[in-house]
Amino acid sequence: MDWDEILNPLSPYYQSAMQEQQQLVNLQDGLISAAKELMSSVYPQIYHLESAGYTELENTIISECVKLSCKLNDIILKYQIEK
């Protein structure tokens, strides 16, 4: 396998990489959405933060959910049983 195979949109390697990337993005989006929803239900005072608080909370949720999704994806790939 070389870079031409990986970067060719018709290649199965490219298709597989794009599918994995889409799964990762979907997982990140879901985690971020769920974290925000959970935060607002557990901490109703979230709606009374200073501007800096909203920014820090948003940045923390996004960065931690991205890290979590990458770790979860790595575990799935590492222990996946081939069909």
Protein backbone atom coordinates (compact mmCIF):
# COMPACT_ATOMS: atom_id res chain seq x y z
CA MET A 1 0.00 0.00 0.00
CA ASP A 2 1.37 3.39 -0.98
CA TRP A 3 0.13 6.98 -0.75
CA ASP A 4 -1.49 6.83 -4.19
CA GLU A 5 -3.73 4.00 -2.99
CA ILE A 6 -4.57 5.78 0.24
CA LEU A 7 -5.35 9.13 -1.41
CA ASN A 8 -7.28 7.75 -4.40
CA PRO A 9 -11.00 8.38 -3.69
CA LEU A 10 -11.87 5.12 -5.48
CA SER A 11 -9.48 3.05 -3.39
CA PRO A 12 -10.94 0.79 -0.68
CA TYR A 13 -8.24 2.13 1.69
CA TYR A 14 -9.45 5.67 1.12
CA GLN A 15 -13.09 4.63 1.56
CA SER A 16 -12.25 2.85 4.80
CA ALA A 17 -10.33 5.84 6.14
CA MET A 18 -13.19 8.19 5.27
CA GLN A 19 -15.72 5.89 6.95
CA GLU A 20 -13.59 5.77 10.10
CA GLN A 21 -13.21 9.56 10.05
CA GLN A 22 -16.98 10.01 9.71
CA GLN A 23 -17.61 7.65 12.64
CA LEU A 24 -15.13 9.60 14.75
CA VAL A 25 -16.76 12.94 13.90
CA ASN A 26 -20.23 11.52 14.64
CA LEU A 27 -19.00 10.22 18.00
CA GLN A 28 -17.44 13.59 18.85
CA ASP A 29 -20.61 15.46 17.91
CA GLY A 30 -22.75 13.09 19.97
CA LEU A 31 -20.49 13.31 23.02
CA ILE A 32 -20.38 17.11 22.86
CA SER A 33 -24.16 17.34 22.52
CA ALA A 34 -24.76 14.87 25.36
CA ALA A 35 -22.25 16.61 27.64
CA LYS A 36 -23.91 19.99 27.07
CA GLU A 37 -27.37 18.55 27.72
CA LEU A 38 -26.21 16.77 30.87
CA MET A 39 -24.42 19.89 32.13
CA SER A 40 -27.53 22.00 31.72
CA SER A 41 -29.70 19.46 33.57
CA VAL A 42 -27.27 18.97 36.46
CA TYR A 43 -26.14 22.60 36.74
CA PRO A 44 -29.06 24.96 36.04
CA GLN A 45 -26.80 27.83 37.11
CA ILE A 46 -24.95 27.29 33.84
CA TYR A 47 -27.23 29.96 32.37
CA HIS A 48 -25.89 32.55 34.81
CA LEU A 49 -22.17 32.45 34.03
CA GLU A 50 -19.94 35.30 33.04
CA SER A 51 -18.88 35.33 29.41
CA ALA A 52 -15.47 33.86 30.27
CA GLY A 53 -17.24 30.99 32.03
CA TYR A 54 -19.23 30.10 28.91
CA THR A 55 -16.08 30.17 26.82
CA GLU A 56 -14.07 28.04 29.23
CA LEU A 57 -16.91 25.55 29.64
CA GLU A 58 -17.39 25.25 25.87
CA ASN A 59 -13.66 24.80 25.25
CA THR A 60 -13.37 22.18 28.00
CA ILE A 61 -16.36 20.19 26.79
CA ILE A 62 -15.10 20.15 23.22
CA SER A 63 -11.48 19.31 24.01
CA GLU A 64 -12.34 16.54 26.48
CA CYS A 65 -14.98 15.00 24.20
CA VAL A 66 -12.51 14.97 21.29
CA LYS A 67 -9.92 13.24 23.49
CA LEU A 68 -12.49 10.72 24.71
CA SER A 69 -13.75 9.94 21.22
CA CYS A 70 -10.20 9.35 19.96
CA LYS A 71 -9.45 6.98 22.86
CA LEU A 72 -12.71 5.11 22.33
CA ASN A 73 -12.00 4.80 18.61
CA ASP A 74 -8.50 3.49 19.34
CA ILE A 75 -9.92 0.82 21.67
CA ILE A 76 -12.46 -0.27 19.07
CA LEU A 77 -9.80 -0.53 16.37
CA LYS A 78 -7.36 -2.34 18.65
CA TYR A 79 -9.75 -5.03 19.83
CA GLN A 80 -12.03 -5.35 16.80
CA ILE A 81 -12.51 -8.93 15.62
CA GLU A 82 -12.21 -9.23 11.87
CA LYS A 83 -15.24 -10.73 10.14
